[in-house]
């Protein structure tokens, strides 16, 4: 079984099934990137809010709140 067949399905998969599995995998990866970008935007917003307050402890709390 080659690396592509091993990653996306069995060696006996039809060509169309293999292409479909690859597309679905790419869609899942794109979704993960969207989540990552959203978390980054949320973190940026929290840090900006904390900077407005000017409290060093608040900035540290904001930095750690989305990293868990």
N, C-alpha and C. Protein backbone atom coordinates (compact mmCIF):
# COMPACT_ATOMS: atom_id res chain seq x y z
N UNK A 1 0.85 -1.17 0.00
CA UNK A 1 0.00 0.00 0.00
C UNK A 1 0.90 1.24 0.00
N UNK A 2 0.68 2.14 -0.93
CA UNK A 2 1.48 3.35 -1.04
C UNK A 2 1.08 4.39 -0.01
N UNK A 3 1.86 5.45 0.12
CA UNK A 3 1.55 6.45 1.14
C UNK A 3 0.22 7.16 0.94
N UNK A 4 -0.16 7.40 -0.30
CA UNK A 4 -1.45 8.07 -0.55
C UNK A 4 -2.60 7.14 -0.18
N UNK A 5 -2.53 5.91 -0.64
CA UNK A 5 -3.59 4.96 -0.33
C UNK A 5 -3.66 4.71 1.18
N UNK A 6 -2.53 4.65 1.85
CA UNK A 6 -2.52 4.42 3.29
C UNK A 6 -3.12 5.58 4.06
N UNK A 7 -2.90 6.78 3.58
CA UNK A 7 -3.40 7.96 4.28
C UNK A 7 -4.89 8.17 4.04
N UNK A 8 -5.34 7.91 2.85
CA UNK A 8 -6.72 8.25 2.48
C UNK A 8 -7.64 7.05 2.35
N UNK A 9 -7.14 5.85 2.46
CA UNK A 9 -8.00 4.68 2.35
C UNK A 9 -7.20 3.46 1.94
N UNK A 10 -7.90 2.40 1.59
CA UNK A 10 -7.23 1.17 1.22
C UNK A 10 -6.78 1.21 -0.24
N UNK A 11 -5.86 0.31 -0.57
CA UNK A 11 -5.32 0.26 -1.93
C UNK A 11 -6.39 -0.17 -2.94
N UNK A 12 -7.46 -0.76 -2.47
CA UNK A 12 -8.51 -1.23 -3.37
C UNK A 12 -9.56 -0.17 -3.69
N UNK A 13 -9.39 1.02 -3.18
CA UNK A 13 -10.37 2.08 -3.45
C UNK A 13 -10.36 2.46 -4.93
N UNK A 14 -11.51 2.78 -5.41
CA UNK A 14 -11.63 3.27 -6.78
C UNK A 14 -11.01 4.66 -6.86
N UNK A 15 -10.60 5.06 -8.07
CA UNK A 15 -9.97 6.36 -8.28
C UNK A 15 -10.87 7.50 -7.79
N UNK A 16 -12.15 7.45 -8.10
CA UNK A 16 -13.09 8.50 -7.68
C UNK A 16 -13.22 8.56 -6.16
N UNK A 17 -13.25 7.38 -5.53
CA UNK A 17 -13.34 7.34 -4.08
C UNK A 17 -12.11 7.97 -3.44
N UNK A 18 -10.96 7.71 -4.03
CA UNK A 18 -9.72 8.27 -3.53
C UNK A 18 -9.72 9.80 -3.66
N UNK A 19 -10.16 10.30 -4.81
CA UNK A 19 -10.24 11.76 -5.00
C UNK A 19 -11.21 12.40 -4.01
N UNK A 20 -12.33 11.72 -3.77
CA UNK A 20 -13.32 12.23 -2.81
C UNK A 20 -12.72 12.29 -1.41
N UNK A 21 -12.00 11.26 -1.02
CA UNK A 21 -11.37 11.23 0.30
C UNK A 21 -10.33 12.34 0.44
N UNK A 22 -9.59 12.62 -0.61
CA UNK A 22 -8.59 13.69 -0.59
C UNK A 22 -9.29 15.03 -0.42
N UNK A 23 -10.35 15.26 -1.18
CA UNK A 23 -11.10 16.52 -1.07
C UNK A 23 -11.66 16.71 0.34
N UNK A 24 -12.21 15.64 0.92
CA UNK A 24 -12.76 15.74 2.27
C UNK A 24 -11.67 16.06 3.28
N UNK A 25 -10.51 15.45 3.10
CA UNK A 25 -9.39 15.72 3.99
C UNK A 25 -8.95 17.18 3.89
N UNK A 26 -8.88 17.70 2.67
CA UNK A 26 -8.51 19.10 2.47
C UNK A 26 -9.53 20.03 3.11
N UNK A 27 -10.80 19.66 3.04
CA UNK A 27 -11.86 20.47 3.65
C UNK A 27 -11.70 20.50 5.16
N UNK A 28 -11.39 19.34 5.76
CA UNK A 28 -11.19 19.29 7.21
C UNK A 28 -10.01 20.17 7.61
N UNK A 29 -8.91 20.10 6.84
CA UNK A 29 -7.75 20.92 7.16
C UNK A 29 -8.07 22.41 7.03
N UNK A 30 -8.85 22.78 6.04
CA UNK A 30 -9.25 24.18 5.87
C UNK A 30 -10.07 24.63 7.07
N UNK A 31 -10.94 23.76 7.56
CA UNK A 31 -11.75 24.08 8.73
C UNK A 31 -10.89 24.31 9.96
N UNK A 32 -9.84 23.50 10.12
CA UNK A 32 -8.93 23.69 11.25
C UNK A 32 -8.21 25.02 11.14
N UNK A 33 -7.84 25.42 9.94
CA UNK A 33 -7.19 26.72 9.76
C UNK A 33 -8.13 27.85 10.15
N UNK A 34 -9.42 27.71 9.80
CA UNK A 34 -10.41 28.73 10.16
C UNK A 34 -10.51 28.86 11.68
N UNK A 35 -10.51 27.74 12.39
CA UNK A 35 -10.59 27.75 13.85
C UNK A 35 -9.35 28.43 14.43
N UNK A 36 -8.19 28.11 13.87
CA UNK A 36 -6.95 28.71 14.34
C UNK A 36 -6.97 30.22 14.15
N UNK A 37 -7.43 30.67 13.00
CA UNK A 37 -7.52 32.11 12.74
C UNK A 37 -8.49 32.78 13.70
N UNK A 38 -9.61 32.12 13.97
CA UNK A 38 -10.61 32.67 14.90
C UNK A 38 -10.01 32.81 16.29
N UNK A 39 -9.29 31.78 16.76
CA UNK A 39 -8.67 31.85 18.08
C UNK A 39 -7.66 32.98 18.12
N UNK A 40 -6.92 33.16 17.05
CA UNK A 40 -5.93 34.23 16.99
C UNK A 40 -6.61 35.59 17.06
N UNK A 41 -7.72 35.75 16.34
CA UNK A 41 -8.47 37.00 16.37
C UNK A 41 -9.03 37.26 17.76
N UNK A 42 -9.53 36.21 18.42
CA UNK A 42 -10.06 36.37 19.77
C UNK A 42 -8.95 36.79 20.74
N UNK A 43 -7.80 36.17 20.61
CA UNK A 43 -6.67 36.51 21.47
C UNK A 43 -6.25 37.95 21.24
N UNK A 44 -6.17 38.36 19.98
CA UNK A 44 -5.81 39.75 19.67
C UNK A 44 -6.81 40.72 20.31
N UNK A 45 -8.10 40.40 20.23
CA UNK A 45 -9.12 41.27 20.80
C UNK A 45 -8.99 41.34 22.32
N UNK A 46 -8.73 40.21 22.96
CA UNK A 46 -8.55 40.22 24.41
C UNK A 46 -7.32 41.02 24.82
N UNK A 47 -6.23 40.85 24.07
CA UNK A 47 -5.02 41.60 24.40
C UNK A 47 -5.22 43.10 24.21
N UNK A 48 -5.94 43.47 23.15
CA UNK A 48 -6.22 44.89 22.92
C UNK A 48 -7.07 45.46 24.06
N UNK A 49 -8.06 44.71 24.48
CA UNK A 49 -8.91 45.15 25.59
C UNK A 49 -8.08 45.30 26.87
N UNK A 50 -7.21 44.36 27.12
CA UNK A 50 -6.38 44.42 28.32
C UNK A 50 -5.42 45.60 28.28
N UNK A 51 -4.89 45.88 27.10
CA UNK A 51 -3.99 47.04 26.98
C UNK A 51 -4.73 48.34 27.28
N UNK A 52 -5.99 48.42 26.87
CA UNK A 52 -6.79 49.62 27.16
C UNK A 52 -6.96 49.80 28.66
N UNK A 53 -7.15 48.69 29.34
CA UNK A 53 -7.31 48.76 30.80
C UNK A 53 -5.96 49.14 31.42
N UNK A 54 -4.87 48.63 30.85
CA UNK A 54 -3.54 48.97 31.34
C UNK A 54 -3.09 48.15 32.53
N UNK A 55 -3.78 47.10 32.86
CA UNK A 55 -3.44 46.27 34.01
C UNK A 55 -2.55 45.12 33.57
N UNK A 56 -1.30 45.04 34.05
CA UNK A 56 -0.40 43.96 33.64
C UNK A 56 -0.95 42.57 33.97
N UNK A 57 -1.63 42.42 35.10
CA UNK A 57 -2.19 41.11 35.44
C UNK A 57 -3.31 40.73 34.48
N UNK A 58 -4.11 41.70 34.07
CA UNK A 58 -5.19 41.45 33.12
C UNK A 58 -4.61 41.00 31.77
N UNK A 59 -3.52 41.62 31.34
CA UNK A 59 -2.88 41.23 30.07
C UNK A 59 -2.40 39.79 30.16
N UNK A 60 -1.82 39.41 31.29
CA UNK A 60 -1.34 38.03 31.43
C UNK A 60 -2.51 37.06 31.43
N UNK A 61 -3.60 37.40 32.10
CA UNK A 61 -4.77 36.53 32.13
C UNK A 61 -5.33 36.36 30.71
N UNK A 62 -5.38 37.44 29.97
CA UNK A 62 -5.91 37.40 28.61
C UNK A 62 -5.03 36.54 27.72
N UNK A 63 -3.74 36.64 27.87
CA UNK A 63 -2.82 35.83 27.06
C UNK A 63 -3.04 34.35 27.32
N UNK A 64 -3.28 33.98 28.56
CA UNK A 64 -3.40 32.57 28.91
C UNK A 64 -4.78 31.98 28.72
N UNK A 65 -5.81 32.80 28.59
CA UNK A 65 -7.17 32.27 28.59
C UNK A 65 -7.51 31.43 27.37
N UNK A 66 -6.91 31.68 26.22
CA UNK A 66 -7.23 30.91 25.03
C UNK A 66 -6.16 29.87 24.70
N UNK A 67 -5.12 29.78 25.50
CA UNK A 67 -4.05 28.84 25.20
C UNK A 67 -4.27 27.48 25.83
N UNK A 68 -5.31 27.33 26.60
CA UNK A 68 -5.58 26.06 27.28
C UNK A 68 -6.22 25.09 26.32
